[in-house]
């Protein structure tokens, strides 16, 4: 799983019929200190996330294990909205 921040939305009027009705969001990866990484992913929103929210993204075959994405051509899904992130300092 990856941490990220929602920074945009993808609109696609022509897409695989199995993706109809799914919201596609652009997520920029973040480090544990909330600093941005230089990588992005387009993920299906399964939890009602919005712009500016920090999220947990599940990728790979696990992304097709949610009720919304089962059997669909999806490689990334937003599976949680992060309220807080507590990390032990070393």
Protein backbone atom coordinates (compact mmCIF):
# COMPACT_ATOMS: atom_id res chain seq x y z
CA UNK A 1 0.00 0.00 0.00
CA UNK A 2 1.08 3.55 -0.67
CA UNK A 3 0.45 6.90 1.00
CA UNK A 4 -0.60 9.85 -1.13
CA UNK A 5 -2.49 13.09 -1.50
CA UNK A 6 -5.33 13.58 -3.99
CA UNK A 7 -4.19 16.31 -6.38
CA UNK A 8 -6.58 15.97 -9.30
CA UNK A 9 -9.30 14.09 -11.14
CA UNK A 10 -9.37 12.26 -14.48
CA UNK A 11 -12.36 12.66 -16.77
CA UNK A 12 -12.77 10.03 -19.49
CA UNK A 13 -15.92 9.93 -21.58
CA UNK A 14 -14.69 6.86 -23.49
CA UNK A 15 -13.49 3.98 -21.35
CA UNK A 16 -13.93 0.28 -20.72
CA UNK A 17 -17.58 -0.33 -19.86
CA UNK A 18 -16.53 -1.93 -16.55
CA UNK A 19 -15.19 1.47 -15.44
CA UNK A 20 -18.47 3.30 -16.02
CA UNK A 21 -19.53 5.22 -12.92
CA UNK A 22 -16.14 5.03 -11.23
CA UNK A 23 -14.39 8.21 -10.07
CA UNK A 24 -10.72 8.33 -11.11
CA UNK A 25 -8.42 10.48 -8.99
CA UNK A 26 -4.80 11.54 -9.45
CA UNK A 27 -2.80 10.77 -6.31
CA UNK A 28 0.71 12.10 -5.66
CA UNK A 29 2.81 9.82 -3.47
CA UNK A 30 4.04 11.16 -0.12
CA UNK A 31 6.72 10.23 2.39
CA UNK A 32 6.01 9.49 6.07
CA UNK A 33 6.60 13.17 6.92
CA UNK A 34 3.93 14.24 4.37
CA UNK A 35 6.56 15.58 1.95
CA UNK A 36 5.83 14.95 -1.71
CA UNK A 37 7.55 12.32 -3.80
CA UNK A 38 7.96 12.81 -7.53
CA UNK A 39 5.52 10.06 -8.54
CA UNK A 40 1.80 9.80 -9.20
CA UNK A 41 -0.89 7.17 -9.71
CA UNK A 42 -4.42 7.27 -11.09
CA UNK A 43 -6.67 5.36 -8.68
CA UNK A 44 -10.34 4.43 -8.51
CA UNK A 45 -11.99 6.12 -5.53
CA UNK A 46 -13.85 3.57 -3.42
CA UNK A 47 -14.26 5.70 -0.27
CA UNK A 48 -15.45 9.14 -1.40
CA UNK A 49 -12.10 10.93 -1.23
CA UNK A 50 -11.74 14.46 -2.48
CA UNK A 51 -9.11 16.92 -3.60
CA UNK A 52 -6.49 17.68 -0.96
CA UNK A 53 -7.14 14.62 1.17
CA UNK A 54 -4.43 12.22 2.26
CA UNK A 55 -5.25 8.65 1.25
CA UNK A 56 -4.07 5.05 1.34
CA UNK A 57 -3.75 3.49 -2.12
CA UNK A 58 -3.80 -0.26 -2.73
CA UNK A 59 -2.13 -1.40 -5.95
CA UNK A 60 -1.64 -4.49 -8.07
CA UNK A 61 -3.97 -7.47 -7.95
CA UNK A 62 -5.07 -6.45 -4.43
CA UNK A 63 -6.72 -3.38 -5.98
CA UNK A 64 -9.29 -5.71 -7.51
CA UNK A 65 -10.33 -7.15 -4.14
CA UNK A 66 -12.75 -4.38 -3.10
CA UNK A 67 -16.49 -4.71 -3.62
CA UNK A 68 -16.38 -1.84 -6.14
CA UNK A 69 -13.44 -3.09 -8.21
CA UNK A 70 -13.82 -6.87 -8.20
CA UNK A 71 -13.34 -8.24 -11.72
CA UNK A 72 -12.62 -4.81 -13.19
CA UNK A 73 -9.52 -3.57 -15.07
CA UNK A 74 -8.10 -1.65 -12.09
CA UNK A 75 -4.52 -1.51 -10.84
CA UNK A 76 -4.91 1.10 -8.08
CA UNK A 77 -7.76 1.88 -5.68
CA UNK A 78 -8.10 4.40 -2.86
CA UNK A 79 -8.98 2.19 0.08
CA UNK A 80 -8.88 4.70 2.98
CA UNK A 81 -8.85 8.41 3.81
CA UNK A 82 -6.09 9.13 6.33
CA UNK A 83 -7.10 11.09 9.43
CA UNK A 84 -3.69 11.03 11.13
CA UNK A 85 -0.36 9.37 10.57
CA UNK A 86 1.75 8.58 13.66
CA UNK A 87 5.29 7.44 12.99
CA UNK A 88 7.95 6.68 15.60
CA UNK A 89 10.90 9.03 15.33
CA UNK A 90 14.35 7.46 15.37
